[in-house]
Amino acid sequence: MNNQILRIVPLGGAGEIGKNMTAIEYGDRILIIDVGIMFPENDMLGIDYIIPDFQYLRDKTDRVEGIVITHGHEDHTGALAHVLQEINAPVYATPLTSGLINVKLARRGAPKNVKINTFNVGDVIRLGPFTIEPFHVCHSIPDAVGLAIETPAGLLVHSGDYKFDQTPVDNWPTDYAKLGEFGERGVLALLADSTNADKAGWTLSESVIEPALEQVFRQAEGRILVATFASLISRMQQVANVTERLGRKLSFVGTSMRENAKIARRMGYLDIPDELVVSTDEALKMPPDQVVLMCTGSQGEPSSIMGRLSTGRNRLFGIEQGDTIVLSSHPIPGNEETVYRTINRLFQRGAEVIYDPIAPVHVSGHASQEEMKLLIQLLRPKYLIPVHGELRHLHQHRNLAIEMGMPTENIAVIENGQVVEFQNGEMRLGERVPGGYVFVDGSGVGDVVPSVVRERERLAEDGVIVISVVLDKYTGEPVKPPVIQTQGFVYEQEAGELLESLEDEIRRGLKHNLNGSMERYLKDRLSGFLYREVQRRPVLFVNVQKM
């Protein structure tokens, strides 16, 4: 047995849904698996998305052998442009995933010299001490893979996002035989998707969606708008199939949806006749009962087409009475409030909204409990590291493995930044490294830190008051009445008595001749006064000038 240490460093996806990123180290060489983004939570005001904190890798960039991507969803590819700005490493992906990545990198301004190496299932990729064997898995996008990674310290298997669908849309089920082969070879550790660890039974097959879509489409009298992820290629195919059968025309709305559909059609992953697809301009001129519009925004993102439609801010078209909207996705954990608020707004604008559980128009692409058990049975790993889930999912995944007889000490429930080490076939916890959030806000990456987000939250909760006081520099007496401006605190026209009391409190405070800062003294005094009066602590800015 080789005595060098094998290290697994989770930088994203361990303790949360999204921004999946894992570094695997052997000796001084590093392999990166996936580089994704995460949607902001409700209290992350103004944040566009979140990427992994890869600070740990910044002084090790010359040691990175490559970045291997398991599939084309944003939570596995979305941060690639940011990472490639600092880590000049080759990227490896399946054909469809490569095509989607190229479109994404071109749009986000990644370095020009990035090389995307395309591999197929069955290929063997050798990167330094790592020998990688990708194997096919079913997911909600074609060309998804898991990875078997042979190292001198033993065989690791990373499941990627997977489920055991017996009737997938592309007729290509997960590779049971390959999983069994890895199990016979002996698996040191399994890193396994935990997203649905709290869901009993088996995940429904993708095949149930098309009949459900057809039933909804047949009942729709006006336009049909289907909202889903721009990378959900299999859903595009199902919507196209139903659209063609019912004699409607299909339009892909929005840049990301159009570009992804174009790539998938060109590469043969979408089988859609040319005559079925029309431009958005053409679709908007056709009778409402003859068109289907497919767009983004199933998570209620404010900048997405569905998000803009729900608030009446979409430039090209708005919601019309009689529109039927199908949200073909489940809310990402933590995003439920945003999704349901969007649904309510769409109803207010006159649309009929269909979503799961109203109709089975979406099924998960992730394994449920019985499939997780089957994966463990096929691979028979010595150790299990649950990944891709919130902490509650990781713990439930651990409980499932314990029920199957795996020793508790052979399961590592870890969060981002907690290193796991293997030496001589034995597992132990290593040190903690940075593994938090990096916020992307407009063009700024990492400029907004958690304290700024907390400040935004405080501003949103209690508002802001700006107070300007001008004093005579000789006498210290006010030259004119204090100027009080408020935003988000009270409606000034109806709060005259409170603001008058605040002005009186300012005058009383000015009578104290302090050697220290009058501004700080007034701020503390007025903060206490406002809390006594209204039990709120608005953000206070006090400016004292002498003239």
Protein backbone atom coordinates (compact mmCIF):
# COMPACT_ATOMS: atom_id res chain seq x y z
CA MET A 1 0.00 0.00 0.00
CA ASN A 2 1.30 3.44 -0.96
CA ASN A 3 1.98 5.61 2.09
CA GLN A 4 1.18 8.96 0.49
CA ILE A 5 -2.02 10.65 1.64
CA LEU A 6 -5.14 10.87 -0.51
CA ARG A 7 -7.17 13.96 0.39
CA ILE A 8 -10.72 14.92 -0.48
CA VAL A 9 -11.43 18.64 -0.11
CA PRO A 10 -15.11 19.64 -0.52
CA LEU A 11 -15.28 23.28 -1.61
CA GLY A 12 -18.99 23.32 -2.45
CA GLY A 13 -22.07 21.10 -2.34
CA ALA A 14 -21.43 19.61 1.12
CA GLY A 15 -24.05 21.17 3.38
CA GLU A 16 -26.06 22.93 0.65
CA ILE A 17 -27.85 22.41 -2.66
CA GLY A 18 -25.67 23.86 -5.42
CA LYS A 19 -22.19 25.25 -6.15
CA ASN A 20 -20.78 21.73 -6.31
CA MET A 21 -16.98 21.60 -6.33
CA THR A 22 -14.61 18.96 -4.97
CA ALA A 23 -10.80 18.83 -5.06
CA ILE A 24 -9.04 15.48 -4.82
CA GLU A 25 -5.35 15.52 -3.93
CA TYR A 26 -2.73 12.83 -4.09
CA GLY A 27 0.82 13.86 -3.26
CA ASP A 28 1.20 17.32 -4.75
CA ARG A 29 -1.28 16.78 -7.63
CA ILE A 30 -4.90 17.94 -7.66
CA LEU A 31 -8.01 16.93 -9.59
CA ILE A 32 -11.12 19.15 -9.52
CA ILE A 33 -14.61 17.72 -10.02
CA ASP A 34 -17.34 20.20 -11.05
CA VAL A 35 -17.42 23.96 -10.57
CA GLY A 36 -21.00 25.10 -10.01
CA ILE A 37 -23.08 28.02 -8.80
CA MET A 38 -25.85 28.30 -6.23
CA PHE A 39 -29.00 30.43 -6.20
CA PRO A 40 -29.02 33.08 -3.47
CA GLU A 41 -31.19 32.49 -0.43
CA ASN A 42 -34.08 34.83 0.38
CA ASP A 43 -32.04 36.94 2.79
CA MET A 44 -29.13 37.45 0.36
CA LEU A 45 -30.48 40.72 -0.98
CA GLY A 46 -29.17 41.89 -4.35
CA ILE A 47 -26.96 38.82 -4.91
CA ASP A 48 -27.11 37.33 -8.43
CA TYR A 49 -25.58 33.96 -7.58
CA ILE A 50 -22.95 32.33 -5.38
CA ILE A 51 -19.77 30.51 -6.37
CA PRO A 52 -17.51 28.25 -4.28
CA ASP A 53 -14.74 29.76 -2.21
CA PHE A 54 -11.68 28.25 -3.90
CA GLN A 55 -9.16 30.28 -1.91
CA TYR A 56 -7.55 26.98 -0.87
CA LEU A 57 -6.44 26.41 -4.48
CA ARG A 58 -5.06 29.88 -5.24
CA ASP A 59 -1.48 29.07 -4.23
CA LYS A 60 -1.70 25.60 -5.80
CA THR A 61 -2.87 26.45 -9.30
CA ASP A 62 0.21 24.89 -10.93
CA ARG A 63 -0.64 21.59 -9.23
CA VAL A 64 -4.10 21.23 -10.78
CA GLU A 65 -4.04 18.44 -13.39
CA GLY A 66 -7.53 19.12 -14.73
CA ILE A 67 -11.18 19.94 -14.09
CA VAL A 68 -13.67 17.16 -14.86
CA ILE A 69 -17.34 18.09 -15.25
CA THR A 70 -20.03 15.47 -14.63
CA HIS A 71 -22.89 17.14 -16.55
CA GLY A 72 -24.14 20.42 -17.97
CA HIS A 73 -26.33 21.86 -15.20
CA GLU A 74 -25.47 25.28 -13.76
CA ASP A 75 -24.87 23.92 -10.25
CA HIS A 76 -21.96 21.93 -11.75
CA THR A 77 -20.68 24.26 -14.49
CA GLY A 78 -21.82 27.80 -13.69
CA ALA A 79 -18.68 28.99 -11.87
CA LEU A 80 -16.24 27.66 -14.47
CA ALA A 81 -15.59 31.07 -16.04
CA HIS A 82 -14.65 32.49 -12.62
CA VAL A 83 -12.36 29.59 -11.73
CA LEU A 84 -10.61 29.61 -15.11
CA GLN A 85 -9.70 33.26 -14.60
CA GLU A 86 -7.30 32.06 -11.89
CA ILE A 87 -6.65 28.37 -12.56
CA ASN A 88 -5.23 27.59 -15.99
CA ALA A 89 -6.15 23.91 -16.22
CA PRO A 90 -7.66 21.75 -18.97
CA VAL A 91 -11.38 21.02 -18.70
CA TYR A 92 -12.87 17.60 -19.49
CA ALA A 93 -16.53 16.95 -20.29
CA THR A 94 -18.85 14.81 -22.41
CA PRO A 95 -19.87 16.14 -25.87
CA LEU A 96 -23.15 17.84 -24.88
CA THR A 97 -21.67 19.21 -21.67
CA SER A 98 -18.71 20.58 -23.65
CA GLY A 99 -21.07 22.31 -26.07
CA LEU A 100 -23.06 23.92 -23.26
CA ILE A 101 -19.85 24.99 -21.50
CA ASN A 102 -18.46 26.63 -24.65
CA VAL A 103 -21.64 28.70 -25.01
CA LYS A 104 -21.48 29.68 -21.34
CA LEU A 105 -17.80 30.63 -21.42
CA ALA A 106 -18.25 32.74 -24.53
CA ARG A 107 -21.10 34.62 -22.87
CA ARG A 108 -19.25 35.20 -19.58
CA GLY A 109 -15.92 36.27 -20.99
CA ALA A 110 -13.67 33.38 -19.95
CA PRO A 111 -9.98 33.35 -21.00
CA LYS A 112 -9.56 32.67 -24.72
CA ASN A 113 -6.98 29.90 -24.29
CA VAL A 114 -9.27 27.54 -22.34
CA LYS A 115 -9.23 24.05 -23.79
CA ILE A 116 -12.35 21.87 -23.40
CA ASN A 117 -11.39 18.23 -23.90
CA THR A 118 -14.31 16.03 -24.91
CA PHE A 119 -14.58 12.46 -23.66
CA ASN A 120 -17.15 9.70 -24.03
CA VAL A 121 -18.33 7.03 -21.66
CA GLY A 122 -15.84 4.18 -21.83
CA ASP A 123 -12.85 6.46 -22.35
CA VAL A 124 -10.03 6.44 -19.81
CA ILE A 125 -8.57 9.82 -18.80
CA ARG A 126 -5.12 9.85 -17.21
CA LEU A 127 -4.21 12.99 -15.29
CA GLY A 128 -1.07 12.65 -13.18
CA PRO A 129 -1.71 10.01 -10.51
CA PHE A 130 -5.45 9.91 -11.32
CA THR A 131 -6.96 7.45 -13.79
CA ILE A 132 -10.57 8.46 -14.44
CA GLU A 133 -13.22 6.16 -15.90
CA PRO A 134 -16.48 8.01 -16.61
CA PHE A 135 -19.66 5.89 -16.52
CA HIS A 136 -23.13 6.80 -17.74
CA VAL A 137 -25.83 7.79 -15.25
CA CYS A 138 -29.44 8.84 -15.76
CA HIS A 139 -30.22 12.40 -14.79
CA SER A 140 -32.49 15.14 -16.12
CA ILE A 141 -29.99 16.07 -18.83
CA PRO A 142 -28.33 13.83 -21.44
CA ASP A 143 -24.64 12.95 -21.30
CA ALA A 144 -24.42 12.88 -17.49
CA VAL A 145 -21.69 10.76 -15.94
CA GLY A 146 -20.34 9.55 -12.65
CA LEU A 147 -16.61 9.10 -12.21
CA ALA A 148 -14.48 6.20 -11.02
CA ILE A 149 -11.10 7.62 -10.01
CA GLU A 150 -8.27 5.17 -9.53
CA THR A 151 -5.47 6.51 -7.31
CA PRO A 152 -2.43 4.80 -5.81
CA ALA A 153 -4.31 4.88 -2.49
CA GLY A 154 -7.43 3.16 -3.80
CA LEU A 155 -10.51 3.54 -6.00
CA LEU A 156 -12.87 6.47 -5.45
CA VAL A 157 -16.31 6.63 -7.05
CA HIS A 158 -18.10 9.96 -7.44
CA SER A 159 -21.75 9.34 -8.34
CA GLY A 160 -22.43 12.73 -9.92
CA ASP A 161 -26.16 13.51 -10.02
CA TYR A 162 -27.94 10.25 -10.78
CA LYS A 163 -31.04 8.13 -10.52
CA PHE A 164 -31.95 4.60 -11.62
CA ASP A 165 -34.56 5.33 -14.29
CA GLN A 166 -35.63 2.19 -16.18
CA THR A 167 -37.44 4.18 -18.92
CA PRO A 168 -35.37 7.34 -19.49
CA VAL A 169 -36.28 9.74 -22.27
CA ASP A 170 -33.09 8.94 -24.19
CA ASN A 171 -33.45 5.16 -23.62
CA TRP A 172 -30.01 5.05 -21.94
CA PRO A 173 -30.28 3.78 -18.35
CA THR A 174 -27.60 4.09 -15.70
CA ASP A 175 -24.76 1.60 -16.26
CA TYR A 176 -25.47 -1.10 -13.67
CA ALA A 177 -22.83 -3.41 -15.12
CA LYS A 178 -20.06 -0.85 -14.74
CA LEU A 179 -21.09 -0.13 -11.15
CA GLY A 180 -20.98 -3.85 -10.40
CA GLU A 181 -17.52 -4.06 -11.99
CA PHE A 182 -16.23 -1.28 -9.74
CA GLY A 183 -17.71 -3.09 -6.76
CA GLU A 184 -15.78 -6.25 -7.70
CA ARG A 185 -12.55 -4.26 -7.98
CA GLY A 186 -13.05 -2.81 -4.51
CA VAL A 187 -14.14 0.75 -3.78
CA LEU A 188 -12.25 2.64 -1.09
CA ALA A 189 -14.79 5.48 -0.83
CA LEU A 190 -18.03 6.52 -2.46
CA LEU A 191 -18.94 10.21 -2.79
CA ALA A 192 -22.68 10.03 -3.42
CA ASP A 193 -25.48 12.46 -4.29
CA SER A 194 -27.72 13.06 -1.26
CA THR A 195 -30.29 15.50 -2.68
CA ASN A 196 -33.29 13.21 -2.18
CA ALA A 197 -32.06 11.33 0.90
CA ASP A 198 -35.28 12.26 2.72
CA LYS A 199 -37.52 10.89 -0.07
CA ALA A 200 -38.73 7.32 0.44
CA GLY A 201 -38.98 4.78 -2.37
CA TRP A 202 -37.86 5.33 -5.96
CA THR A 203 -37.81 8.54 -7.98
CA LEU A 204 -40.44 8.58 -10.72
CA SER A 205 -39.29 7.98 -14.27
CA GLU A 206 -38.97 10.84 -16.73
CA SER A 207 -41.46 8.91 -18.89
CA VAL A 208 -44.43 10.06 -16.75
CA ILE A 209 -43.91 13.69 -17.76
CA GLU A 210 -44.85 13.58 -21.43
CA PRO A 211 -48.40 12.20 -20.88
CA ALA A 212 -48.94 14.79 -18.13
CA LEU A 213 -47.75 17.58 -20.44
CA GLU A 214 -50.06 16.35 -23.20
CA GLN A 215 -53.07 16.40 -20.90
CA VAL A 216 -52.28 19.97 -19.83
CA PHE A 217 -51.65 21.10 -23.41
CA ARG A 218 -54.96 19.60 -24.63
CA GLN A 219 -56.92 21.55 -22.03
CA ALA A 220 -55.18 24.86 -22.77
CA GLU A 221 -57.24 27.23 -24.92
CA GLY A 222 -54.66 30.01 -25.33
CA ARG A 223 -50.88 30.30 -25.35
CA ILE A 224 -48.82 27.77 -23.43
CA LEU A 225 -45.65 28.92 -21.67
CA VAL A 226 -43.36 26.23 -20.27
CA ALA A 227 -40.74 27.40 -17.77
CA THR A 228 -37.78 25.23 -16.89
CA PHE A 229 -33.99 25.35 -16.66
CA ALA A 230 -32.23 26.32 -19.89
CA SER A 231 -30.01 23.24 -19.55
CA LEU A 232 -32.90 20.77 -19.13
CA ILE A 233 -32.49 19.31 -22.63
CA SER A 234 -34.67 16.25 -22.03
CA ARG A 235 -37.61 18.51 -21.12
CA MET A 236 -37.15 20.42 -24.38
CA GLN A 237 -37.56 17.13 -26.25
CA GLN A 238 -40.71 16.18 -24.36
CA VAL A 239 -42.29 19.61 -24.88
CA ALA A 240 -41.41 19.45 -28.59
CA ASN A 241 -42.97 15.98 -28.95
CA VAL A 242 -46.27 17.09 -27.43
CA THR A 243 -46.26 20.40 -29.32
CA GLU A 244 -45.86 18.57 -32.63
CA ARG A 245 -48.62 16.03 -31.86
CA LEU A 246 -51.10 18.80 -31.04
CA GLY A 247 -50.31 20.88 -34.12
CA ARG A 248 -48.79 23.89 -32.37
CA LYS A 249 -45.49 25.67 -33.07
CA LEU A 250 -42.64 25.91 -30.57
CA SER A 251 -40.51 28.94 -29.78
CA PHE A 252 -37.49 29.02 -27.46
CA VAL A 253 -37.54 32.37 -25.65
CA GLY A 254 -34.43 33.98 -24.20
CA THR A 255 -30.75 33.80 -25.09
CA SER A 256 -29.73 30.86 -22.89
CA MET A 257 -32.74 28.75 -23.90
CA ARG A 258 -32.20 29.42 -27.62
CA GLU A 259 -28.46 28.81 -27.52
CA ASN A 260 -28.72 25.57 -25.55
CA ALA A 261 -31.46 24.25 -27.83
CA LYS A 262 -29.38 25.16 -30.88
CA ILE A 263 -26.31 23.33 -29.54
CA ALA A 264 -28.31 20.25 -28.53
CA ARG A 265 -30.05 20.06 -31.92
CA ARG A 266 -26.80 20.48 -33.82
CA MET A 267 -25.15 17.70 -31.80
CA GLY A 268 -28.09 15.31 -32.18
CA TYR A 269 -29.31 15.39 -28.56
CA LEU A 270 -32.58 17.02 -29.60
CA ASP A 271 -34.68 15.60 -32.43
CA ILE A 272 -36.91 18.51 -33.39
CA PRO A 273 -38.07 19.15 -36.98
CA ASP A 274 -37.08 22.54 -38.38
CA GLU A 275 -40.67 23.33 -39.34
CA LEU A 276 -41.81 22.94 -35.73
CA VAL A 277 -39.65 25.79 -34.41
CA VAL A 278 -40.48 29.46 -34.99
CA SER A 279 -38.86 32.66 -33.77
CA THR A 280 -40.33 34.49 -30.80
CA ASP A 281 -41.44 37.36 -33.06
CA GLU A 282 -43.34 34.92 -35.28
CA ALA A 283 -44.88 33.13 -32.30
CA LEU A 284 -46.21 36.38 -30.81
CA LYS A 285 -48.04 37.16 -34.07
CA MET A 286 -49.72 33.75 -34.30
CA PRO A 287 -53.13 32.87 -32.83
CA PRO A 288 -52.68 32.05 -29.11
CA ASP A 289 -53.96 28.47 -29.48
CA GLN A 290 -51.22 27.62 -31.98
CA VAL A 291 -48.04 28.36 -30.03
CA VAL A 292 -45.92 27.04 -27.17
CA LEU A 293 -43.27 29.33 -25.67
CA MET A 294 -40.46 27.69 -23.72
CA CYS A 295 -38.51 29.97 -21.39
CA THR A 296 -36.48 30.24 -18.19
CA GLY A 297 -37.67 31.25 -14.74
CA SER A 298 -39.07 28.15 -13.08
CA GLN A 299 -37.32 29.20 -9.85
CA GLY A 300 -38.87 32.67 -9.90
CA GLU A 301 -35.54 34.40 -10.49
CA PRO A 302 -36.33 38.14 -10.80
CA SER A 303 -34.16 38.59 -13.91
CA SER A 304 -35.57 35.53 -15.73
CA ILE A 305 -38.34 35.77 -18.30
CA MET A 306 -40.95 34.19 -16.00
CA GLY A 307 -39.83 36.43 -13.14
CA ARG A 308 -40.24 39.53 -15.34
CA LEU A 309 -43.59 38.32 -16.68
CA SER A 310 -44.91 37.92 -13.15
CA THR A 311 -44.16 41.57 -12.36
CA GLY A 312 -45.12 43.00 -15.77
CA ARG A 313 -41.53 43.95 -16.65
CA ASN A 314 -40.91 41.70 -19.65
CA ARG A 315 -40.03 43.78 -22.68
CA LEU A 316 -41.24 41.59 -25.58
CA PHE A 317 -44.61 40.44 -24.28
CA GLY A 318 -46.77 40.17 -21.18
CA ILE A 319 -49.19 37.71 -19.65
CA GLU A 320 -52.56 37.56 -21.39
CA GLN A 321 -55.89 36.31 -20.07
CA GLY A 322 -56.15 32.64 -21.04
CA ASP A 323 -52.42 31.87 -20.96
CA THR A 324 -51.46 28.53 -19.44
CA ILE A 325 -48.11 28.47 -17.68
CA VAL A 326 -46.36 25.20 -16.84
CA LEU A 327 -43.56 25.33 -14.27
CA SER A 328 -41.60 22.19 -15.07
CA SER A 329 -39.29 22.02 -12.06
CA HIS A 330 -39.32 21.60 -8.30
CA PRO A 331 -38.33 24.55 -6.11
CA ILE A 332 -34.71 24.31 -5.07
CA PRO A 333 -34.62 23.87 -1.25
CA GLY A 334 -34.62 27.34 0.30
CA ASN A 335 -36.19 28.89 -2.82
CA GLU A 336 -39.80 27.86 -2.16
CA GLU A 337 -40.96 31.31 -1.07
CA THR A 338 -39.68 32.96 -4.25
CA VAL A 339 -41.30 30.31 -6.48
CA TYR A 340 -44.69 30.47 -4.79
CA ARG A 341 -44.67 34.28 -4.81
CA THR A 342 -44.06 34.15 -8.58
CA ILE A 343 -46.92 31.67 -9.02
CA ASN A 344 -49.29 33.95 -7.11
CA ARG A 345 -48.31 36.95 -9.24
CA LEU A 346 -48.89 34.97 -12.45
CA PHE A 347 -52.38 34.03 -11.25
CA GLN A 348 -53.04 37.70 -10.48
CA ARG A 349 -52.20 38.57 -14.08
CA GLY A 350 -54.80 36.16 -15.42
CA ALA A 351 -52.76 33.05 -16.22
CA GLU A 352 -53.60 29.47 -15.34
CA VAL A 353 -50.50 28.06 -13.63
CA ILE A 354 -49.73 24.33 -13.60
CA TYR A 355 -47.01 23.07 -11.30
CA ASP A 356 -46.14 19.98 -9.33
CA PRO A 357 -48.11 18.69 -7.36
CA ILE A 358 -51.06 20.06 -9.40
CA ALA A 359 -49.89 17.77 -12.22
CA PRO A 360 -46.77 15.57 -12.65
CA VAL A 361 -45.09 18.05 -15.03
CA HIS A 362 -41.70 17.53 -13.40
CA VAL A 363 -39.89 14.67 -11.71
CA SER A 364 -36.61 14.83 -9.87
CA GLY A 365 -33.38 13.87 -11.57
CA HIS A 366 -31.96 12.59 -8.29
CA ALA A 367 -32.05 9.20 -6.61
CA SER A 368 -34.44 8.57 -3.73
CA GLN A 369 -33.77 6.29 -0.76
CA GLU A 370 -34.15 2.91 -2.45
CA GLU A 371 -31.86 3.95 -5.31
CA MET A 372 -29.26 5.20 -2.84
CA LYS A 373 -29.34 1.81 -1.15
CA LEU A 374 -28.96 0.08 -4.52
CA LEU A 375 -25.90 2.17 -5.38
CA ILE A 376 -24.27 1.21 -2.09
CA GLN A 377 -25.11 -2.46 -2.70
CA LEU A 378 -23.61 -2.40 -6.20
CA LEU A 379 -20.39 -0.64 -5.18
CA ARG A 380 -19.94 -2.03 -1.63
CA PRO A 381 -17.62 0.86 -0.65
CA LYS A 382 -15.51 0.66 2.49
CA TYR A 383 -16.27 4.31 3.24
CA LEU A 384 -19.14 6.63 2.35
CA ILE A 385 -18.99 10.43 2.03
CA PRO A 386 -22.47 11.89 1.37
CA VAL A 387 -22.29 15.00 -0.85
CA HIS A 388 -24.66 17.23 -2.85
CA GLY A 389 -27.15 18.14 -0.15
CA GLU A 390 -27.97 20.21 2.87
CA LEU A 391 -26.76 18.91 6.21
CA ARG A 392 -30.13 17.23 6.84
CA HIS A 393 -29.78 15.30 3.57
CA LEU A 394 -26.21 14.21 4.38
CA HIS A 395 -27.26 12.91 7.81
CA GLN A 396 -30.23 11.03 6.36
CA HIS A 397 -27.93 9.47 3.75
CA ARG A 398 -25.68 8.34 6.59
CA ASN A 399 -28.68 6.80 8.40
CA LEU A 400 -29.62 4.83 5.29
CA ALA A 401 -26.10 3.40 5.05
CA ILE A 402 -26.12 2.47 8.74
CA GLU A 403 -29.45 0.65 8.23
CA MET A 404 -27.68 -1.37 5.53
CA GLY A 405 -24.97 -2.43 7.97
CA MET A 406 -22.21 0.07 7.22
CA PRO A 407 -20.25 0.95 10.40
CA THR A 408 -20.95 4.47 11.63
CA GLU A 409 -17.24 5.26 11.80
CA ASN A 410 -16.93 4.47 8.08
CA ILE A 411 -19.26 7.32 7.10
CA ALA A 412 -18.01 10.92 7.00
CA VAL A 413 -20.73 13.57 7.15
CA ILE A 414 -18.77 16.70 6.35
CA GLU A 415 -19.40 20.29 5.34
CA ASN A 416 -17.52 22.49 2.89
CA GLY A 417 -13.90 22.95 3.87
CA GLN A 418 -13.61 19.81 6.02
CA VAL A 419 -10.78 17.74 4.54
CA VAL A 420 -11.02 13.93 4.57
CA GLU A 421 -7.78 11.95 4.35
CA PHE A 422 -6.99 8.35 3.47
CA GLN A 423 -3.71 6.64 4.29
CA ASN A 424 -3.04 2.91 4.16
CA GLY A 425 -6.72 2.34 3.49
CA GLU A 426 -7.88 4.14 6.63
CA MET A 427 -10.00 7.30 6.76
CA ARG A 428 -9.55 10.26 9.09
CA LEU A 429 -10.62 13.89 9.20
CA GLY A 430 -7.97 16.46 8.27
CA GLU A 431 -7.84 20.21 8.77
CA ARG A 432 -10.51 22.77 7.89
CA VAL A 433 -9.93 25.03 4.90
CA PRO A 434 -12.07 27.96 3.64
CA GLY A 435 -15.31 26.69 2.16
CA GLY A 436 -17.83 29.50 2.43
CA TYR A 437 -19.75 31.65 -0.03
CA VAL A 438 -18.37 34.01 -2.64
CA PHE A 439 -21.14 36.37 -3.72
CA VAL A 440 -21.48 37.58 -7.30
CA ASP A 441 -23.28 40.92 -7.48
CA GLY A 442 -23.37 42.43 -10.97
CA SER A 443 -19.79 42.51 -12.21
CA GLY A 444 -18.37 42.24 -8.70
CA VAL A 445 -17.06 38.86 -7.54
CA GLY A 446 -16.34 38.64 -3.84
CA ASP A 447 -16.75 42.41 -3.38
CA VAL A 448 -19.88 41.81 -1.32
CA VAL A 449 -19.00 39.99 1.89
CA PRO A 450 -21.48 38.53 4.40
CA SER A 451 -21.34 41.67 6.55
CA VAL A 452 -22.52 43.74 3.56
CA VAL A 453 -25.41 41.33 2.99
CA ARG A 454 -26.34 41.68 6.67
CA GLU A 455 -26.27 45.46 6.27
CA ARG A 456 -28.62 45.18 3.29
CA GLU A 457 -30.93 42.99 5.34
CA ARG A 458 -30.94 45.53 8.15
CA LEU A 459 -31.70 48.35 5.72
CA ALA A 460 -34.57 46.29 4.31
CA GLU A 461 -35.96 45.51 7.77
CA ASP A 462 -35.75 48.88 9.56
CA GLY A 463 -34.89 51.50 6.95
CA VAL A 464 -32.45 54.39 7.16
CA ILE A 465 -32.46 57.87 8.68
CA VAL A 466 -30.05 60.64 7.64
CA ILE A 467 -29.73 63.60 9.99
CA SER A 468 -27.86 66.79 9.13
CA VAL A 469 -27.11 69.41 11.80
CA VAL A 470 -25.38 72.76 11.19
CA LEU A 471 -23.88 74.54 14.25
CA ASP A 472 -22.38 77.98 14.73
CA LYS A 473 -18.65 77.33 15.08
CA TYR A 474 -18.33 79.99 17.82
CA THR A 475 -21.42 79.46 19.96
CA GLY A 476 -22.16 75.78 19.17
CA GLU A 477 -25.83 76.69 18.72
CA PRO A 478 -27.86 75.33 15.78
CA VAL A 479 -27.82 77.71 12.81
CA LYS A 480 -31.07 76.21 11.44
CA PRO A 481 -33.40 73.34 12.31
CA PRO A 482 -31.99 69.80 11.86
CA VAL A 483 -32.72 68.17 8.50
CA ILE A 484 -34.17 64.66 8.89
CA GLN A 485 -34.53 62.37 5.86
CA THR A 486 -35.89 58.83 6.04
CA GLN A 487 -36.05 55.91 3.58
CA GLY A 488 -37.92 52.73 4.41
CA PHE A 489 -38.51 53.80 8.02
CA VAL A 490 -41.79 55.74 8.17
CA TYR A 491 -44.07 57.50 5.74
CA GLU A 492 -42.96 61.05 6.54
CA GLN A 493 -46.33 62.71 5.79
CA GLU A 494 -48.00 60.54 8.45
CA ALA A 495 -45.19 60.52 11.01
CA GLY A 496 -45.01 64.21 11.88
CA GLU A 497 -45.34 63.67 15.63
CA LEU A 498 -42.55 61.08 15.74
CA LEU A 499 -40.20 63.22 13.64
CA GLU A 500 -40.97 66.27 15.77
CA SER A 501 -40.07 64.25 18.87
CA LEU A 502 -36.88 63.12 17.15
CA GLU A 503 -36.01 66.76 16.37
CA ASP A 504 -36.58 67.69 20.02
CA GLU A 505 -34.29 64.83 21.07
CA ILE A 506 -31.60 66.14 18.71
CA ARG A 507 -31.84 69.62 20.29
CA ARG A 508 -31.56 68.13 23.79
CA GLY A 509 -28.52 66.14 22.71
CA LEU A 510 -26.84 69.22 21.26
CA LYS A 511 -26.93 70.89 24.67
CA HIS A 512 -24.33 68.43 25.94
CA ASN A 513 -20.90 69.91 25.37
CA LEU A 514 -18.83 66.78 24.78
CA ASN A 515 -15.11 66.58 24.25
CA GLY A 516 -15.61 63.50 22.12
CA SER A 517 -17.46 63.10 18.83
CA MET A 518 -20.81 64.86 18.80
CA GLU A 519 -21.83 62.73 15.80
CA ARG A 520 -21.21 59.44 17.66
CA TYR A 521 -22.94 60.76 20.79
CA LEU A 522 -26.02 61.83 18.83
CA LYS A 523 -26.13 58.55 16.93
CA ASP A 524 -26.09 56.47 20.13
CA ARG A 525 -28.60 58.74 21.87
CA LEU A 526 -31.04 58.84 18.95
CA SER A 527 -30.77 55.08 18.36
CA GLY A 528 -31.85 54.49 21.96
CA PHE A 529 -34.67 57.05 21.64
CA LEU A 530 -36.07 55.44 18.46
CA TYR A 531 -35.98 51.98 19.96
CA ARG A 532 -37.90 53.20 23.04
CA GLU A 533 -40.47 54.90 20.81
CA VAL A 534 -41.05 52.34 18.04
CA GLN A 535 -38.98 49.23 18.96
CA ARG A 536 -36.96 49.48 15.77
CA ARG A 537 -33.31 50.18 15.04
CA PRO A 538 -33.01 51.95 11.67
CA VAL A 539 -29.56 52.58 10.22
CA LEU A 540 -28.60 56.07 11.39
CA PHE A 541 -26.29 58.53 9.66
CA VAL A 542 -25.58 61.72 11.62
CA ASN A 543 -23.62 64.57 10.08
CA VAL A 544 -22.67 67.60 12.24
CA GLN A 545 -21.12 70.61 10.50
CA LYS A 546 -19.85 73.88 11.98
CA MET A 547 -19.90 77.14 10.06
